[in-house]
Amino acid sequence: MKPWNMIQRRLGWKLFLSHLVVVIIGGAVLIATAQLHASTAMVRHVARLDDAIGDDPLLKEEMRESFMIAVDEIIVVAALVAFLSAVVFSTYVARRIVGPVQQMMHASRRIAAGEYRERVPVAGMDELAELAQAFNRMASMMEQTEQRRLELIGNVAHELRTPLSSIQVMMEGIVDGVLPADPATYADFQREIRRLQRLVRDLQELSRVEAGQIKLELEPVAIDVLIRSVVDRLRPQFVDKGVALELDLPHDLPPVRVDSDRMMQVLVNLIGNALHYTPSRGRVSLQLKQQNNHIYIAIRDTGIGISAEHLPHIFERFYRVDKSRSRAGGGSGIGLTIAKHLIEAHGGAITVASSGPGQGSTFTVTIPTA
């Protein structure tokens, strides 16, 4: 590699040469200035010594030459000391600057190779330290993304395994003559196939909302009317399970600008979850209120509750508080994720709170008014 090409590709060499050039220019200016000004200064000072020296021209010339030699010697020594100091200081500064950059370069290569736990040390409080902190945050996010990707693959495989295993067992039973090939058996086939179709549909919906590809048809909607329509749809299930449903829905609230179908999808999911995780003789309450320019929808239940360590992960894909819960018992685990993205697409927010296991939970949806 040619020296110039090596210098162009090395930040340390660039920093070193930049400091060196500054010293050389400064030294050259110092020497030139001294050479131009020394004779004038010598004449001025020698004139003051005329009385002591006398009129001997040889002595004057000898003093002038000695003075110029002394000046040149001082300048050369000073320039040499400045040059050596610049070399030492430039090397130190270059290493201090290039060292962290090289560490981040090596760490980025290891992260690109799949070592997502790689981090760089943070030293000091300057811009390089901020860059190192930003790099470590990026690496942490990439590690979390990779972990979620692996979890997603594992969860999808697990969700697909259950209905496929059921279909396989039933097929083997028919082939072996253990199960009869009658309408009841075919109905079981249809049930498992519908489970697969529902999972695929949920995954497609999740992919679209996370990619921001959901088109919302926004229009002013009376939110209390929308909630009542959802409640009327789910009320027979509350009656069958023996769960009380309490409503606090004022009529004088301003409308909200939402997509009615998507908002109904969110409410069905939240109210349905509250019913699902509330035991018989429990209670689910819906409260609607306005604060400033937002409408708050609070859905409270007296169900199984949520532990504190699970609360930050409730809206993650395929996350379940009970890891042993089957899909039939706990859904696909992505309904809340879809609900969160849909609410955020409306410019709102969704939160969850719970005092702990057995203490119920509260989901709060915030939507701006029209």
Protein backbone atom coordinates (compact mmCIF):
# COMPACT_ATOMS: atom_id res chain seq x y z
CA MET A 1 0.00 0.00 0.00
CA LYS A 2 1.37 3.43 -0.93
CA PRO A 3 2.15 5.80 1.98
CA TRP A 4 -0.35 8.41 0.79
CA ASN A 5 -3.12 5.83 0.48
CA MET A 6 -2.29 4.54 3.97
CA ILE A 7 -2.47 8.08 5.38
CA GLN A 8 -5.83 8.69 3.69
CA ARG A 9 -7.27 5.54 5.27
CA ARG A 10 -5.91 6.12 8.80
CA LEU A 11 -7.48 8.71 11.07
CA GLY A 12 -4.51 8.54 13.45
CA TRP A 13 -2.04 9.47 10.74
CA LYS A 14 -4.28 12.33 9.65
CA LEU A 15 -4.42 13.73 13.17
CA PHE A 16 -0.67 13.29 13.64
CA LEU A 17 0.20 15.00 10.37
CA SER A 18 -2.27 17.82 11.01
CA HIS A 19 -0.55 18.66 14.30
CA LEU A 20 2.86 18.29 12.66
CA VAL A 21 1.95 20.63 9.81
CA VAL A 22 0.78 23.23 12.32
CA VAL A 23 4.13 23.03 14.14
CA ILE A 24 6.15 23.20 10.91
CA ILE A 25 4.23 26.23 9.69
CA GLY A 26 4.63 27.91 13.05
CA GLY A 27 8.34 27.15 13.09
CA ALA A 28 8.82 28.43 9.55
CA VAL A 29 7.01 31.66 10.39
CA LEU A 30 9.13 31.98 13.52
CA ILE A 31 12.39 31.55 11.60
CA ALA A 32 11.39 33.90 8.78
CA THR A 33 10.25 36.57 11.20
CA ALA A 34 13.46 36.28 13.20
CA GLN A 35 15.60 36.53 10.09
CA LEU A 36 13.78 39.61 8.86
CA HIS A 37 13.67 41.40 12.17
CA ALA A 38 17.01 40.38 13.70
CA SER A 39 19.19 42.79 11.68
CA THR A 40 16.95 45.77 12.47
CA ALA A 41 16.91 44.91 16.12
CA MET A 42 20.69 44.43 16.08
CA VAL A 43 21.26 47.89 14.57
CA ARG A 44 19.05 49.47 17.20
CA HIS A 45 20.77 47.73 20.09
CA VAL A 46 24.30 48.25 18.73
CA ALA A 47 23.58 51.95 18.41
CA ARG A 48 23.01 52.07 22.15
CA LEU A 49 26.39 50.40 22.69
CA ASP A 50 28.37 52.74 20.43
CA ASP A 51 29.65 54.74 23.37
CA ALA A 52 31.00 51.61 25.06
CA ILE A 53 32.31 49.93 21.91
CA GLY A 54 33.73 52.94 20.15
CA ASP A 55 34.10 53.38 16.41
CA ASP A 56 35.74 50.04 15.63
CA PRO A 57 33.81 48.69 12.59
CA LEU A 58 35.31 45.21 12.92
CA LEU A 59 34.05 44.91 16.45
CA LYS A 60 30.56 46.05 15.39
CA GLU A 61 30.46 43.52 12.54
CA GLU A 62 31.68 40.76 14.84
CA MET A 63 28.97 41.58 17.36
CA ARG A 64 26.34 41.58 14.60
CA GLU A 65 27.45 38.16 13.34
CA SER A 66 27.63 36.74 16.88
CA PHE A 67 24.14 38.05 17.61
CA MET A 68 22.73 36.52 14.41
CA ILE A 69 24.38 33.20 15.17
CA ALA A 70 22.94 33.23 18.69
CA VAL A 71 19.50 34.09 17.37
CA ASP A 72 19.65 31.31 14.79
CA GLU A 73 20.82 28.83 17.41
CA ILE A 74 17.99 29.77 19.75
CA ILE A 75 15.45 29.50 16.95
CA VAL A 76 16.74 26.09 15.82
CA VAL A 77 16.73 24.72 19.35
CA ALA A 78 13.25 26.12 20.00
CA ALA A 79 11.93 24.70 16.71
CA LEU A 80 13.47 21.29 17.47
CA VAL A 81 11.95 21.22 20.94
CA ALA A 82 8.58 22.30 19.49
CA PHE A 83 8.82 19.57 16.85
CA LEU A 84 9.60 16.84 19.38
CA SER A 85 6.83 18.10 21.67
CA ALA A 86 4.42 18.10 18.76
CA VAL A 87 5.35 14.51 17.89
CA VAL A 88 4.74 13.33 21.45
CA PHE A 89 1.53 15.31 21.90
CA SER A 90 0.16 14.39 18.46
CA THR A 91 0.80 10.71 19.12
CA TYR A 92 -0.99 10.94 22.47
CA VAL A 93 -3.96 12.84 21.06
CA ALA A 94 -4.22 10.55 18.04
CA ARG A 95 -4.28 7.46 20.23
CA ARG A 96 -6.85 9.01 22.56
CA ILE A 97 -9.13 9.79 19.63
CA VAL A 98 -8.46 6.83 17.38
CA GLY A 99 -8.46 4.22 20.18
CA PRO A 100 -12.21 4.41 20.96
CA VAL A 101 -13.01 4.63 17.25
CA GLN A 102 -11.01 1.46 16.60
CA GLN A 103 -12.76 -0.28 19.50
CA MET A 104 -16.14 0.62 18.02
CA MET A 105 -14.98 -0.56 14.60
CA HIS A 106 -13.89 -3.95 15.96
CA ALA A 107 -17.08 -4.22 18.04
CA SER A 108 -19.26 -3.41 15.02
CA ARG A 109 -17.55 -6.17 13.06
CA ARG A 110 -18.22 -8.67 15.84
CA ILE A 111 -21.85 -7.53 16.06
CA ALA A 112 -22.16 -7.94 12.28
CA ALA A 113 -20.89 -11.49 12.78
CA GLY A 114 -23.72 -12.19 15.23
CA GLU A 115 -22.09 -11.40 18.60
CA TYR A 116 -24.84 -9.03 19.75
CA ARG A 117 -23.61 -8.89 23.36
CA GLU A 118 -20.50 -6.97 22.30
CA ARG A 119 -20.07 -3.58 24.01
CA VAL A 120 -17.39 -0.87 24.02
CA PRO A 121 -16.00 0.80 27.16
CA VAL A 122 -17.12 4.35 27.88
CA ALA A 123 -14.38 6.67 29.16
CA GLY A 124 -14.72 10.37 29.86
CA MET A 125 -17.58 12.75 29.17
CA ASP A 126 -16.72 14.13 25.74
CA GLU A 127 -18.24 13.50 22.33
CA LEU A 128 -16.39 10.19 21.97
CA ALA A 129 -17.94 8.98 25.24
CA GLU A 130 -21.39 10.00 23.96
CA LEU A 131 -20.67 8.16 20.71
CA ALA A 132 -19.68 5.05 22.68
CA GLN A 133 -22.87 5.26 24.74
CA ALA A 134 -24.95 5.62 21.58
CA PHE A 135 -23.14 2.64 20.09
CA ASN A 136 -23.86 0.52 23.18
CA ARG A 137 -27.53 1.53 23.09
CA MET A 138 -27.70 0.54 19.43
CA ALA A 139 -26.06 -2.80 20.24
CA SER A 140 -28.55 -3.40 23.06
CA MET A 141 -31.47 -2.69 20.75
CA MET A 142 -30.05 -5.02 18.13
CA GLU A 143 -29.61 -7.73 20.77
CA GLN A 144 -33.22 -7.29 21.90
CA THR A 145 -34.42 -7.33 18.30
CA GLU A 146 -32.53 -10.55 17.60
CA GLN A 147 -33.89 -12.10 20.79
CA ARG A 148 -37.44 -11.14 19.83
CA ARG A 149 -36.90 -12.53 16.34
CA LEU A 150 -35.82 -15.87 17.77
CA GLU A 151 -38.74 -15.83 20.20
CA LEU A 152 -41.13 -15.02 17.34
CA ILE A 153 -39.86 -17.96 15.30
CA GLY A 154 -40.16 -20.26 18.31
CA ASN A 155 -43.64 -19.01 19.20
CA VAL A 156 -44.94 -19.32 15.64
CA ALA A 157 -43.54 -22.85 15.45
CA HIS A 158 -45.20 -23.68 18.77
CA GLU A 159 -48.53 -22.21 17.71
CA LEU A 160 -48.47 -24.14 14.45
CA ARG A 161 -47.39 -27.37 16.10
CA THR A 162 -50.55 -27.86 18.19
CA PRO A 163 -53.19 -27.88 15.43
CA LEU A 164 -50.89 -29.70 13.02
CA SER A 165 -50.24 -32.39 15.63
CA SER A 166 -53.99 -32.77 16.18
CA ILE A 167 -54.60 -33.11 12.45
CA GLN A 168 -51.81 -35.67 12.17
CA VAL A 169 -53.17 -37.74 15.07
CA MET A 170 -56.66 -37.73 13.60
CA MET A 171 -55.35 -38.69 10.16
CA GLU A 172 -53.39 -41.58 11.64
CA GLY A 173 -56.49 -42.63 13.59
CA ILE A 174 -58.57 -42.74 10.41
CA VAL A 175 -55.87 -44.64 8.53
CA ASP A 176 -55.50 -47.17 11.38
CA GLY A 177 -59.26 -47.52 11.76
CA VAL A 178 -59.24 -46.15 15.30
CA LEU A 179 -61.33 -43.10 14.34
CA PRO A 180 -64.38 -43.39 12.11
CA ALA A 181 -64.48 -41.38 8.89
CA ASP A 182 -67.76 -39.71 9.79
CA PRO A 183 -68.99 -36.09 9.88
CA ALA A 184 -67.95 -35.68 13.54
CA THR A 185 -64.32 -36.50 12.72
CA TYR A 186 -64.36 -34.16 9.73
CA ALA A 187 -65.78 -31.44 11.98
CA ASP A 188 -62.73 -31.87 14.21
CA PHE A 189 -60.57 -31.43 11.12
CA GLN A 190 -62.43 -28.23 10.29
CA ARG A 191 -61.96 -26.90 13.83
CA GLU A 192 -58.18 -27.40 13.72
CA ILE A 193 -57.98 -25.90 10.24
CA ARG A 194 -59.90 -22.85 11.44
CA ARG A 195 -57.39 -22.50 14.26
CA LEU A 196 -54.58 -22.48 11.71
CA GLN A 197 -56.42 -19.96 9.55
CA ARG A 198 -57.05 -17.73 12.56
CA LEU A 199 -53.37 -17.81 13.50
CA VAL A 200 -52.29 -16.96 9.94
CA ARG A 201 -54.82 -14.15 9.82
CA ASP A 202 -53.56 -12.77 13.13
CA LEU A 203 -49.96 -12.91 11.90
CA GLN A 204 -50.88 -11.11 8.70
CA GLU A 205 -52.73 -8.45 10.69
CA LEU A 206 -49.77 -8.03 13.04
CA SER A 207 -47.35 -7.69 10.14
CA ARG A 208 -49.49 -5.00 8.54
CA VAL A 209 -50.00 -2.90 11.66
CA GLU A 210 -46.31 -3.07 12.62
CA ALA A 211 -45.35 -2.00 9.11
CA GLY A 212 -47.83 0.88 9.22
CA GLN A 213 -49.78 -0.47 6.26
CA ILE A 214 -53.19 -0.23 7.89
CA LYS A 215 -55.37 2.36 6.19
CA LEU A 216 -57.70 4.03 8.64
CA GLU A 217 -61.04 5.45 7.55
CA LEU A 218 -61.36 8.19 10.15
CA GLU A 219 -64.67 9.81 10.93
CA PRO A 220 -66.26 11.53 13.95
CA VAL A 221 -67.78 8.85 16.18
CA ALA A 222 -69.71 9.00 19.45
CA ILE A 223 -67.50 6.76 21.54
CA ASP A 224 -70.25 5.84 24.03
CA VAL A 225 -72.44 4.53 21.21
CA LEU A 226 -69.53 2.50 19.84
CA ILE A 227 -68.82 0.96 23.24
CA ARG A 228 -72.47 0.08 23.78
CA SER A 229 -72.57 -1.74 20.44
CA VAL A 230 -69.54 -3.80 21.49
CA VAL A 231 -71.09 -4.52 24.88
CA ASP A 232 -74.36 -5.66 23.27
CA ARG A 233 -72.34 -8.02 21.09
CA LEU A 234 -70.51 -9.56 24.07
CA ARG A 235 -73.29 -9.42 26.69
CA PRO A 236 -74.55 -12.99 26.08
CA GLN A 237 -71.06 -14.30 26.91
CA PHE A 238 -71.06 -12.37 30.18
CA VAL A 239 -74.47 -13.84 31.04
CA ASP A 240 -73.35 -17.40 30.22
CA LYS A 241 -70.22 -17.10 32.40
CA GLY A 242 -71.97 -15.28 35.24
CA VAL A 243 -69.75 -12.19 35.16
CA ALA A 244 -71.32 -8.83 36.02
CA LEU A 245 -70.85 -5.97 33.55
CA GLU A 246 -70.99 -2.39 34.83
CA LEU A 247 -71.08 0.64 32.53
CA ASP A 248 -70.32 4.29 33.22
CA LEU A 249 -70.74 5.90 29.81
CA PRO A 250 -71.71 9.61 29.81
CA HIS A 251 -73.67 10.83 26.77
CA ASP A 252 -72.34 14.39 26.66
CA LEU A 253 -68.76 13.64 25.62
CA PRO A 254 -67.35 15.12 22.41
CA PRO A 255 -66.89 12.76 19.46
CA VAL A 256 -63.59 11.14 18.60
CA ARG A 257 -62.15 10.82 15.11
CA VAL A 258 -61.51 7.09 14.65
CA ASP A 259 -61.96 4.18 12.31
CA SER A 260 -65.09 2.54 13.73
CA ASP A 261 -64.21 -0.99 12.62
CA ARG A 262 -60.66 -0.83 13.97
CA MET A 263 -61.77 0.76 17.23
CA MET A 264 -64.41 -1.90 17.65
CA GLN A 265 -61.70 -4.54 17.03
CA VAL A 266 -59.63 -3.08 19.88
CA LEU A 267 -62.59 -2.88 22.27
CA VAL A 268 -63.72 -6.43 21.51
CA ASN A 269 -60.21 -7.66 22.26
CA LEU A 270 -59.89 -5.76 25.55
CA ILE A 271 -63.38 -6.47 26.85
CA GLY A 272 -63.15 -10.08 25.67
CA ASN A 273 -59.86 -10.50 27.53
CA ALA A 274 -61.38 -9.01 30.67
CA LEU A 275 -64.21 -11.51 30.46
CA HIS A 276 -61.89 -14.41 29.70
CA TYR A 277 -59.63 -13.83 32.69
CA THR A 278 -62.39 -12.99 35.16
CA PRO A 279 -63.88 -15.98 36.99
CA SER A 280 -67.59 -16.59 37.48
CA ARG A 281 -69.28 -14.13 39.86
CA GLY A 282 -66.58 -11.60 39.05
CA ARG A 283 -67.08 -8.12 37.66
CA VAL A 284 -65.96 -6.12 34.64
CA SER A 285 -66.54 -2.36 34.55
CA LEU A 286 -66.21 0.15 31.72
CA GLN A 287 -65.72 3.81 32.52
CA LEU A 288 -65.64 6.63 30.02
CA LYS A 289 -64.43 10.14 30.87
CA GLN A 290 -62.95 13.25 29.32
CA GLN A 291 -59.81 15.05 30.45
CA ASN A 292 -58.60 18.08 28.52
CA ASN A 293 -58.69 17.10 24.83
CA HIS A 294 -58.64 13.34 25.35
CA ILE A 295 -61.17 10.62 26.01
CA TYR A 296 -60.19 7.90 28.49
CA ILE A 297 -61.68 4.40 28.30
CA ALA A 298 -60.93 2.35 31.43
CA ILE A 299 -61.70 -1.39 31.38
CA ARG A 300 -61.36 -2.89 34.87
CA ASP A 301 -61.84 -6.49 35.92
CA THR A 302 -61.63 -8.56 39.09
CA GLY A 303 -59.77 -11.36 37.34
CA ILE A 304 -56.47 -13.14 37.82
CA GLY A 305 -54.39 -9.94 37.77
CA ILE A 306 -50.86 -9.45 36.48
CA SER A 307 -47.56 -9.57 38.36
CA ALA A 308 -45.33 -6.51 38.28
CA GLU A 309 -42.61 -8.28 36.30
CA HIS A 310 -45.08 -9.10 33.52
CA LEU A 311 -46.60 -5.63 33.11
CA PRO A 312 -43.83 -4.17 30.84
CA HIS A 313 -44.20 -7.10 28.43
CA ILE A 314 -47.98 -7.40 28.13
CA PHE A 315 -48.07 -5.78 24.68
CA GLU A 316 -45.19 -7.81 23.24
CA ARG A 317 -45.86 -10.35 20.52
CA PHE A 318 -46.86 -13.84 21.76
CA TYR A 319 -46.26 -12.87 25.37
CA ARG A 320 -48.35 -14.73 27.93
CA VAL A 321 -48.36 -14.31 31.68
CA ASP A 322 -48.96 -18.04 32.00
CA LYS A 323 -46.34 -19.69 29.78
CA SER A 324 -48.12 -23.04 29.98
CA ARG A 325 -51.42 -21.67 28.68
CA SER A 326 -52.43 -23.16 25.35
CA ARG A 327 -53.59 -21.17 22.39
CA ALA A 328 -57.12 -22.41 22.90
CA GLY A 329 -57.05 -21.11 26.45
CA GLY A 330 -55.13 -17.91 25.92
CA GLY A 331 -55.41 -16.83 22.32
CA SER A 332 -52.52 -16.32 19.95
CA GLY A 333 -50.77 -13.82 22.21
CA ILE A 334 -50.74 -11.03 19.61
CA GLY A 335 -54.18 -9.48 20.09
CA LEU A 336 -52.88 -6.88 22.55
CA THR A 337 -49.94 -6.13 20.27
CA ILE A 338 -52.32 -5.40 17.41
CA ALA A 339 -54.53 -3.32 19.69
CA LYS A 340 -51.56 -1.23 20.82
CA HIS A 341 -50.49 -0.47 17.24
CA LEU A 342 -54.05 0.39 16.19
CA ILE A 343 -54.54 2.79 19.09
CA GLU A 344 -51.18 4.46 18.38
CA ALA A 345 -52.17 4.78 14.72
CA HIS A 346 -55.14 6.84 15.95
CA GLY A 347 -52.77 9.12 17.86
CA GLY A 348 -53.70 7.58 21.20
CA ALA A 349 -52.10 5.31 23.78
CA ILE A 350 -52.94 2.18 25.75
CA THR A 351 -51.65 1.26 29.20
CA VAL A 352 -52.14 -1.52 31.72
CA ALA A 353 -52.05 -1.53 35.51
CA SER A 354 -52.52 -4.25 38.11
CA SER A 355 -51.95 -4.58 41.84
CA GLY A 356 -50.78 -8.15 41.46
CA PRO A 357 -52.07 -11.72 41.04
CA GLY A 358 -55.71 -12.07 42.04
CA GLN A 359 -56.18 -8.29 42.18
CA GLY A 360 -57.59 -7.78 38.71
CA SER A 361 -56.23 -5.43 36.07
CA THR A 362 -57.11 -2.18 34.33
CA PHE A 363 -56.52 -1.37 30.66
CA THR A 364 -56.80 2.31 29.80
CA VAL A 365 -57.20 3.57 26.23
CA THR A 366 -56.57 7.24 25.50
CA ILE A 367 -57.96 8.80 22.31
CA PRO A 368 -57.82 12.47 21.33
CA THR A 369 -61.12 14.17 20.70
CA ALA A 370 -62.09 15.12 17.16
